Amino acid sequence: NTVTIEQSFDTVNVTVIVLIALGIPMILLALLMVFR
């Protein structure tokens, strides 16, 4: 019987990319407002 291995690395990469894309601008905006 065939045993199938499907890795979830693609899903993890997409999730990390989305979090980085949304999180970094928000952090930079908050720091900018604090300094100014």
All heavy atoms as atom14 arrays in JSON, in Angstrom:
{
  "sequence": "NTVTIEQSFDTVNVTVIVLIALGIPMILLALLMVFR",
  "atom14_mask": [
    [1, 1, 1, 1, 1, 1, 1, 1, 0, 0, 0, 0, 0, 0],
    [1, 1, 1, 1, 1, 1, 1, 0, 0, 0, 0, 0, 0, 0],
    [1, 1, 1, 1, 1, 1, 1, 0, 0, 0, 0, 0, 0, 0],
    [1, 1, 1, 1, 1, 1, 1, 0, 0, 0, 0, 0, 0, 0],
    [1, 1, 1, 1, 1, 1, 1, 1, 0, 0, 0, 0, 0, 0],
    [1, 1, 1, 1, 1, 1, 1, 1, 1, 0, 0, 0, 0, 0],
    [1, 1, 1, 1, 1, 1, 1, 1, 1, 0, 0, 0, 0, 0],
    [1, 1, 1, 1, 1, 1, 0, 0, 0, 0, 0, 0, 0, 0],
    [1, 1, 1, 1, 1, 1, 1, 1, 1, 1, 1, 0, 0, 0],
    [1, 1, 1, 1, 1, 1, 1, 1, 0, 0, 0, 0, 0, 0],
    [1, 1, 1, 1, 1, 1, 1, 0, 0, 0, 0, 0, 0, 0],
    [1, 1, 1, 1, 1, 1, 1, 0, 0, 0, 0, 0, 0, 0],
    [1, 1, 1, 1, 1, 1, 1, 1, 0, 0, 0, 0, 0, 0],
    [1, 1, 1, 1, 1, 1, 1, 0, 0, 0, 0, 0, 0, 0],
    [1, 1, 1, 1, 1, 1, 1, 0, 0, 0, 0, 0, 0, 0],
    [1, 1, 1, 1, 1, 1, 1, 0, 0, 0, 0, 0, 0, 0],
    [1, 1, 1, 1, 1, 1, 1, 1, 0, 0, 0, 0, 0, 0],
    [1, 1, 1, 1, 1, 1, 1, 0, 0, 0, 0, 0, 0, 0],
    [1, 1, 1, 1, 1, 1, 1, 1, 0, 0, 0, 0, 0, 0],
    [1, 1, 1, 1, 1, 1, 1, 1, 0, 0, 0, 0, 0, 0],
    [1, 1, 1, 1, 1, 0, 0, 0, 0, 0, 0, 0, 0, 0],
    [1, 1, 1, 1, 1, 1, 1, 1, 0, 0, 0, 0, 0, 0],
    [1, 1, 1, 1, 0, 0, 0, 0, 0, 0, 0, 0, 0, 0],
    [1, 1, 1, 1, 1, 1, 1, 1, 0, 0, 0, 0, 0, 0],
    [1, 1, 1, 1, 1, 1, 1, 0, 0, 0, 0, 0, 0, 0],
    [1, 1, 1, 1, 1, 1, 1, 1, 0, 0, 0, 0, 0, 0],
    [1, 1, 1, 1, 1, 1, 1, 1, 0, 0, 0, 0, 0, 0],
    [1, 1, 1, 1, 1, 1, 1, 1, 0, 0, 0, 0, 0, 0],
    [1, 1, 1, 1, 1, 1, 1, 1, 0, 0, 0, 0, 0, 0],
    [1, 1, 1, 1, 1, 0, 0, 0, 0, 0, 0, 0, 0, 0],
    [1, 1, 1, 1, 1, 1, 1, 1, 0, 0, 0, 0, 0, 0],
    [1, 1, 1, 1, 1, 1, 1, 1, 0, 0, 0, 0, 0, 0],
    [1, 1, 1, 1, 1, 1, 1, 1, 0, 0, 0, 0, 0, 0],
    [1, 1, 1, 1, 1, 1, 1, 0, 0, 0, 0, 0, 0, 0],
    [1, 1, 1, 1, 1, 1, 1, 1, 1, 1, 1, 0, 0, 0],
    [1, 1, 1, 1, 1, 1, 1, 1, 1, 1, 1, 0, 0, 0]
  ],
  "atom14_positions": [
    [[0.83, -1.19, 0.0], [0.0, 0.0, 0.0], [0.87, 1.25, 0.0], [1.91, 1.31, 0.66], [-0.92, 0.01, 1.22], [-1.92, -1.13, 1.19], [-2.33, -1.56, 0.12], [-2.31, -1.61, 2.36], [0.0, 0.0, 0.0], [0.0, 0.0, 0.0], [0.0, 0.0, 0.0], [0.0, 0.0, 0.0], [0.0, 0.0, 0.0], [0.0, 0.0, 0.0]],
    [[0.46, 2.25, -0.73], [1.24, 3.48, -0.88], [1.09, 4.36, 0.36], [-0.02, 4.61, 0.83], [0.81, 4.25, -2.13], [0.97, 3.41, -3.28], [1.64, 5.51, -2.31], [0.0, 0.0, 0.0], [0.0, 0.0, 0.0], [0.0, 0.0, 0.0], [0.0, 0.0, 0.0], [0.0, 0.0, 0.0], [0.0, 0.0, 0.0], [0.0, 0.0, 0.0]],
    [[2.23, 4.8, 0.88], [2.26, 5.74, 2.01], [2.63, 7.1, 1.44], [3.7, 7.27, 0.85], [3.27, 5.29, 3.08], [3.35, 6.33, 4.2], [2.87, 3.94, 3.65], [0.0, 0.0, 0.0], [0.0, 0.0, 0.0], [0.0, 0.0, 0.0], [0.0, 0.0, 0.0], [0.0, 0.0, 0.0], [0.0, 0.0, 0.0], [0.0, 0.0, 0.0]],
    [[1.77, 8.09, 1.62], [1.98, 9.42, 1.06], [2.48, 10.37, 2.14], [1.91, 10.44, 3.23], [0.69, 9.96, 0.44], [0.23, 9.03, -0.56], [0.93, 11.32, -0.21], [0.0, 0.0, 0.0], [0.0, 0.0, 0.0], [0.0, 0.0, 0.0], [0.0, 0.0, 0.0], [0.0, 0.0, 0.0], [0.0, 0.0, 0.0], [0.0, 0.0, 0.0]],
    [[3.55, 11.09, 1.82], [4.1, 12.11, 2.72], [3.87, 13.46, 2.07], [4.42, 13.75, 1.01], [5.6, 11.88, 2.98], [5.84, 10.49, 3.55], [6.15, 12.95, 3.91], [7.29, 10.19, 3.77], [0.0, 0.0, 0.0], [0.0, 0.0, 0.0], [0.0, 0.0, 0.0], [0.0, 0.0, 0.0], [0.0, 0.0, 0.0], [0.0, 0.0, 0.0]],
    [[3.06, 14.28, 2.71], [2.78, 15.63, 2.22], [3.28, 16.61, 3.26], [2.71, 16.74, 4.34], [1.3, 15.83, 1.95], [0.75, 14.95, 0.84], [-0.72, 15.18, 0.58], [-1.34, 15.94, 1.35], [-1.24, 14.61, -0.38], [0.0, 0.0, 0.0], [0.0, 0.0, 0.0], [0.0, 0.0, 0.0], [0.0, 0.0, 0.0], [0.0, 0.0, 0.0]],
    [[4.36, 17.31, 2.93], [4.93, 18.26, 3.86], [4.11, 19.53, 3.89], [3.53, 19.96, 2.89], [6.39, 18.58, 3.47], [7.27, 17.34, 3.4], [7.39, 16.66, 4.73], [7.38, 17.31, 5.77], [7.52, 15.35, 4.72], [0.0, 0.0, 0.0], [0.0, 0.0, 0.0], [0.0, 0.0, 0.0], [0.0, 0.0, 0.0], [0.0, 0.0, 0.0]],
    [[4.07, 20.22, 5.05], [3.28, 21.45, 5.23], [4.16, 22.68, 5.2], [3.8, 23.73, 5.72], [2.54, 21.4, 6.58], [3.45, 21.24, 7.65], [0.0, 0.0, 0.0], [0.0, 0.0, 0.0], [0.0, 0.0, 0.0], [0.0, 0.0, 0.0], [0.0, 0.0, 0.0], [0.0, 0.0, 0.0], [0.0, 0.0, 0.0], [0.0, 0.0, 0.0]],
    [[5.36, 22.56, 4.59], [6.27, 23.7, 4.58], [5.71, 24.85, 3.76], [5.92, 26.01, 4.09], [7.62, 23.26, 4.02], [8.37, 22.33, 4.94], [8.28, 20.95, 4.79], [9.13, 22.83, 5.96], [8.96, 20.1, 5.64], [9.82, 21.99, 6.81], [9.73, 20.63, 6.66], [0.0, 0.0, 0.0], [0.0, 0.0, 0.0], [0.0, 0.0, 0.0]],
    [[5.01, 24.59, 2.69], [4.46, 25.65, 1.87], [3.45, 26.48, 2.66], [3.43, 27.7, 2.6], [3.81, 25.07, 0.62], [4.86, 24.48, -0.32], [6.03, 24.88, -0.21], [4.48, 23.63, -1.14], [0.0, 0.0, 0.0], [0.0, 0.0, 0.0], [0.0, 0.0, 0.0], [0.0, 0.0, 0.0], [0.0, 0.0, 0.0], [0.0, 0.0, 0.0]],
    [[2.58, 25.82, 3.41], [1.58, 26.53, 4.2], [2.24, 27.38, 5.27], [1.85, 28.52, 5.54], [0.61, 25.51, 4.84], [0.05, 24.71, 3.82], [-0.48, 26.22, 5.61], [0.0, 0.0, 0.0], [0.0, 0.0, 0.0], [0.0, 0.0, 0.0], [0.0, 0.0, 0.0], [0.0, 0.0, 0.0], [0.0, 0.0, 0.0], [0.0, 0.0, 0.0]],
    [[3.26, 26.83, 5.92], [3.95, 27.57, 6.96], [4.62, 28.8, 6.38], [4.58, 29.89, 6.96], [4.99, 26.66, 7.65], [5.84, 27.47, 8.62], [4.28, 25.54, 8.4], [0.0, 0.0, 0.0], [0.0, 0.0, 0.0], [0.0, 0.0, 0.0], [0.0, 0.0, 0.0], [0.0, 0.0, 0.0], [0.0, 0.0, 0.0], [0.0, 0.0, 0.0]],
    [[5.23, 28.68, 5.23], [5.9, 29.81, 4.61], [4.92, 30.92, 4.28], [5.21, 32.1, 4.47], [6.63, 29.35, 3.35], [7.86, 28.52, 3.68], [8.39, 28.61, 4.78], [8.3, 27.7, 2.73], [0.0, 0.0, 0.0], [0.0, 0.0, 0.0], [0.0, 0.0, 0.0], [0.0, 0.0, 0.0], [0.0, 0.0, 0.0], [0.0, 0.0, 0.0]],
    [[3.76, 30.56, 3.75], [2.76, 31.56, 3.43], [2.29, 32.28, 4.69], [2.16, 33.51, 4.72], [1.57, 30.91, 2.69], [0.42, 31.9, 2.55], [2.0, 30.4, 1.33], [0.0, 0.0, 0.0], [0.0, 0.0, 0.0], [0.0, 0.0, 0.0], [0.0, 0.0, 0.0], [0.0, 0.0, 0.0], [0.0, 0.0, 0.0], [0.0, 0.0, 0.0]],
    [[2.07, 31.54, 5.77], [1.63, 32.15, 7.02], [2.69, 33.11, 7.57], [2.37, 34.23, 8.0], [1.33, 31.05, 8.05], [0.38, 30.14, 7.5], [0.79, 31.65, 9.33], [0.0, 0.0, 0.0], [0.0, 0.0, 0.0], [0.0, 0.0, 0.0], [0.0, 0.0, 0.0], [0.0, 0.0, 0.0], [0.0, 0.0, 0.0], [0.0, 0.0, 0.0]],
    [[3.93, 32.68, 7.55], [5.01, 33.54, 8.05], [5.13, 34.8, 7.21], [5.3, 35.91, 7.74], [6.33, 32.75, 8.07], [7.5, 33.68, 8.38], [6.26, 31.63, 9.1], [0.0, 0.0, 0.0], [0.0, 0.0, 0.0], [0.0, 0.0, 0.0], [0.0, 0.0, 0.0], [0.0, 0.0, 0.0], [0.0, 0.0, 0.0], [0.0, 0.0, 0.0]],
    [[5.02, 34.64, 5.91], [5.14, 35.8, 5.03], [4.02, 36.8, 5.29], [4.24, 38.02, 5.35], [5.14, 35.35, 3.56], [6.43, 34.59, 3.24], [4.99, 36.54, 2.62], [6.46, 33.97, 1.87], [0.0, 0.0, 0.0], [0.0, 0.0, 0.0], [0.0, 0.0, 0.0], [0.0, 0.0, 0.0], [0.0, 0.0, 0.0], [0.0, 0.0, 0.0]],
    [[2.8, 36.32, 5.48], [1.67, 37.22, 5.76], [1.87, 37.94, 7.08], [1.64, 39.15, 7.19], [0.35, 36.42, 5.74], [-0.8, 37.28, 6.24], [0.06, 35.91, 4.33], [0.0, 0.0, 0.0], [0.0, 0.0, 0.0], [0.0, 0.0, 0.0], [0.0, 0.0, 0.0], [0.0, 0.0, 0.0], [0.0, 0.0, 0.0], [0.0, 0.0, 0.0]],
    [[2.3, 37.2, 8.12], [2.52, 37.83, 9.41], [3.62, 38.88, 9.35], [3.5, 39.97, 9.95], [2.87, 36.76, 10.45], [1.74, 35.8, 10.83], [2.25, 34.75, 11.8], [0.57, 36.56, 11.43], [0.0, 0.0, 0.0], [0.0, 0.0, 0.0], [0.0, 0.0, 0.0], [0.0, 0.0, 0.0], [0.0, 0.0, 0.0], [0.0, 0.0, 0.0]],
    [[4.69, 38.58, 8.64], [5.77, 39.55, 8.52], [5.31, 40.78, 7.74], [5.61, 41.93, 8.1], [6.99, 38.9, 7.84], [7.59, 37.84, 8.77], [8.03, 39.94, 7.48], [8.73, 37.07, 8.15], [0.0, 0.0, 0.0], [0.0, 0.0, 0.0], [0.0, 0.0, 0.0], [0.0, 0.0, 0.0], [0.0, 0.0, 0.0], [0.0, 0.0, 0.0]],
    [[4.55, 40.54, 6.66], [4.1, 41.66, 5.83], [3.17, 42.6, 6.59], [3.19, 43.82, 6.38], [3.41, 41.13, 4.58], [0.0, 0.0, 0.0], [0.0, 0.0, 0.0], [0.0, 0.0, 0.0], [0.0, 0.0, 0.0], [0.0, 0.0, 0.0], [0.0, 0.0, 0.0], [0.0, 0.0, 0.0], [0.0, 0.0, 0.0], [0.0, 0.0, 0.0]],
    [[2.37, 42.06, 7.48], [1.45, 42.91, 8.25], [2.07, 43.41, 9.54], [1.74, 44.51, 10.01], [0.18, 42.11, 8.58], [-0.67, 41.69, 7.37], [-1.88, 40.9, 7.83], [-1.11, 42.9, 6.56], [0.0, 0.0, 0.0], [0.0, 0.0, 0.0], [0.0, 0.0, 0.0], [0.0, 0.0, 0.0], [0.0, 0.0, 0.0], [0.0, 0.0, 0.0]],
    [[2.93, 42.63, 10.14], [3.46, 43.0, 11.46], [4.54, 44.05, 11.42], [4.54, 44.99, 12.23], [0.0, 0.0, 0.0], [0.0, 0.0, 0.0], [0.0, 0.0, 0.0], [0.0, 0.0, 0.0], [0.0, 0.0, 0.0], [0.0, 0.0, 0.0], [0.0, 0.0, 0.0], [0.0, 0.0, 0.0], [0.0, 0.0, 0.0], [0.0, 0.0, 0.0]],
    [[5.48, 43.94, 10.49], [6.6, 44.88, 10.46], [6.15, 46.32, 10.19], [6.58, 47.25, 10.89], [7.64, 44.42, 9.42], [8.34, 43.15, 9.92], [8.66, 45.51, 9.14], [9.39, 42.62, 8.98], [0.0, 0.0, 0.0], [0.0, 0.0, 0.0], [0.0, 0.0, 0.0], [0.0, 0.0, 0.0], [0.0, 0.0, 0.0], [0.0, 0.0, 0.0]],
    [[5.26, 46.57, 9.23], [4.82, 47.97, 9.05], [4.12, 48.54, 10.28], [4.29, 49.72, 10.61], [3.86, 47.88, 7.86], [4.3, 46.67, 7.11], [4.74, 45.72, 8.16], [0.0, 0.0, 0.0], [0.0, 0.0, 0.0], [0.0, 0.0, 0.0], [0.0, 0.0, 0.0], [0.0, 0.0, 0.0], [0.0, 0.0, 0.0], [0.0, 0.0, 0.0]],
    [[3.34, 47.73, 10.97], [2.66, 48.23, 12.16], [3.66, 48.59, 13.26], [3.51, 49.6, 13.95], [1.68, 47.17, 12.66], [0.55, 46.85, 11.69], [-0.5, 48.28, 11.37], [-1.26, 48.49, 12.98], [0.0, 0.0, 0.0], [0.0, 0.0, 0.0], [0.0, 0.0, 0.0], [0.0, 0.0, 0.0], [0.0, 0.0, 0.0], [0.0, 0.0, 0.0]],
    [[4.7, 47.75, 13.42], [5.71, 48.05, 14.43], [6.47, 49.32, 14.08], [6.72, 50.19, 14.94], [6.67, 46.85, 14.56], [5.91, 45.63, 15.11], [7.84, 47.19, 15.47], [6.73, 44.37, 15.14], [0.0, 0.0, 0.0], [0.0, 0.0, 0.0], [0.0, 0.0, 0.0], [0.0, 0.0, 0.0], [0.0, 0.0, 0.0], [0.0, 0.0, 0.0]],
    [[6.85, 49.47, 12.82], [7.56, 50.68, 12.41], [6.7, 51.93, 12.58], [7.2, 53.0, 12.99], [8.01, 50.54, 10.95], [9.06, 49.45, 10.68], [9.34, 49.36, 9.18], [10.33, 49.74, 11.46], [0.0, 0.0, 0.0], [0.0, 0.0, 0.0], [0.0, 0.0, 0.0], [0.0, 0.0, 0.0], [0.0, 0.0, 0.0], [0.0, 0.0, 0.0]],
    [[5.42, 51.82, 12.28], [4.53, 52.97, 12.44], [4.42, 53.36, 13.91], [4.43, 54.55, 14.25], [3.15, 52.63, 11.86], [2.09, 53.74, 11.96], [2.55, 54.97, 11.2], [0.76, 53.23, 11.42], [0.0, 0.0, 0.0], [0.0, 0.0, 0.0], [0.0, 0.0, 0.0], [0.0, 0.0, 0.0], [0.0, 0.0, 0.0], [0.0, 0.0, 0.0]],
    [[4.33, 52.37, 14.78], [4.23, 52.68, 16.21], [5.5, 53.35, 16.72], [5.45, 54.32, 17.48], [3.94, 51.39, 16.98], [0.0, 0.0, 0.0], [0.0, 0.0, 0.0], [0.0, 0.0, 0.0], [0.0, 0.0, 0.0], [0.0, 0.0, 0.0], [0.0, 0.0, 0.0], [0.0, 0.0, 0.0], [0.0, 0.0, 0.0], [0.0, 0.0, 0.0]],
    [[6.67, 52.85, 16.3], [7.92, 53.47, 16.73], [8.05, 54.9, 16.21], [8.51, 55.81, 16.93], [9.1, 52.63, 16.23], [9.26, 51.25, 16.88], [10.4, 50.49, 16.21], [9.5, 51.39, 18.37], [0.0, 0.0, 0.0], [0.0, 0.0, 0.0], [0.0, 0.0, 0.0], [0.0, 0.0, 0.0], [0.0, 0.0, 0.0], [0.0, 0.0, 0.0]],
    [[7.62, 55.11, 14.98], [7.68, 56.45, 14.41], [6.8, 57.42, 15.18], [7.2, 58.57, 15.46], [7.27, 56.39, 12.93], [7.29, 57.72, 12.18], [8.73, 58.26, 12.11], [6.75, 57.53, 10.76], [0.0, 0.0, 0.0], [0.0, 0.0, 0.0], [0.0, 0.0, 0.0], [0.0, 0.0, 0.0], [0.0, 0.0, 0.0], [0.0, 0.0, 0.0]],
    [[5.63, 57.0, 15.54], [4.74, 57.88, 16.3], [5.29, 58.17, 17.69], [5.15, 59.27, 18.21], [3.36, 57.22, 16.4], [2.64, 57.09, 15.07], [1.05, 56.27, 15.22], [0.16, 57.5, 16.17], [0.0, 0.0, 0.0], [0.0, 0.0, 0.0], [0.0, 0.0, 0.0], [0.0, 0.0, 0.0], [0.0, 0.0, 0.0], [0.0, 0.0, 0.0]],
    [[5.95, 57.2, 18.3], [6.51, 57.44, 19.63], [7.65, 58.44, 19.58], [7.74, 59.35, 20.4], [6.99, 56.11, 20.23], [7.83, 56.35, 21.48], [5.8, 55.25, 20.58], [0.0, 0.0, 0.0], [0.0, 0.0, 0.0], [0.0, 0.0, 0.0], [0.0, 0.0, 0.0], [0.0, 0.0, 0.0], [0.0, 0.0, 0.0], [0.0, 0.0, 0.0]],
    [[8.52, 58.32, 18.58], [9.66, 59.25, 18.5], [9.23, 60.66, 18.11], [9.81, 61.64, 18.57], [10.68, 58.71, 17.5], [11.49, 57.58, 18.04], [11.4, 56.32, 17.48], [12.34, 57.76, 19.12], [12.15, 55.27, 17.97], [13.08, 56.71, 19.63], [12.99, 55.45, 19.07], [0.0, 0.0, 0.0], [0.0, 0.0, 0.0], [0.0, 0.0, 0.0]],
    [[8.24, 60.77, 17.27], [7.83, 62.09, 16.82], [6.89, 62.77, 17.8], [6.81, 63.99, 17.84], [7.16, 62.0, 15.45], [8.12, 61.54, 14.35], [7.57, 61.79, 12.99], [7.3, 63.21, 12.77], [6.81, 63.7, 11.63], [6.53, 62.87, 10.62], [6.58, 65.0, 11.5], [0.0, 0.0, 0.0], [0.0, 0.0, 0.0], [0.0, 0.0, 0.0]]
  ]
}
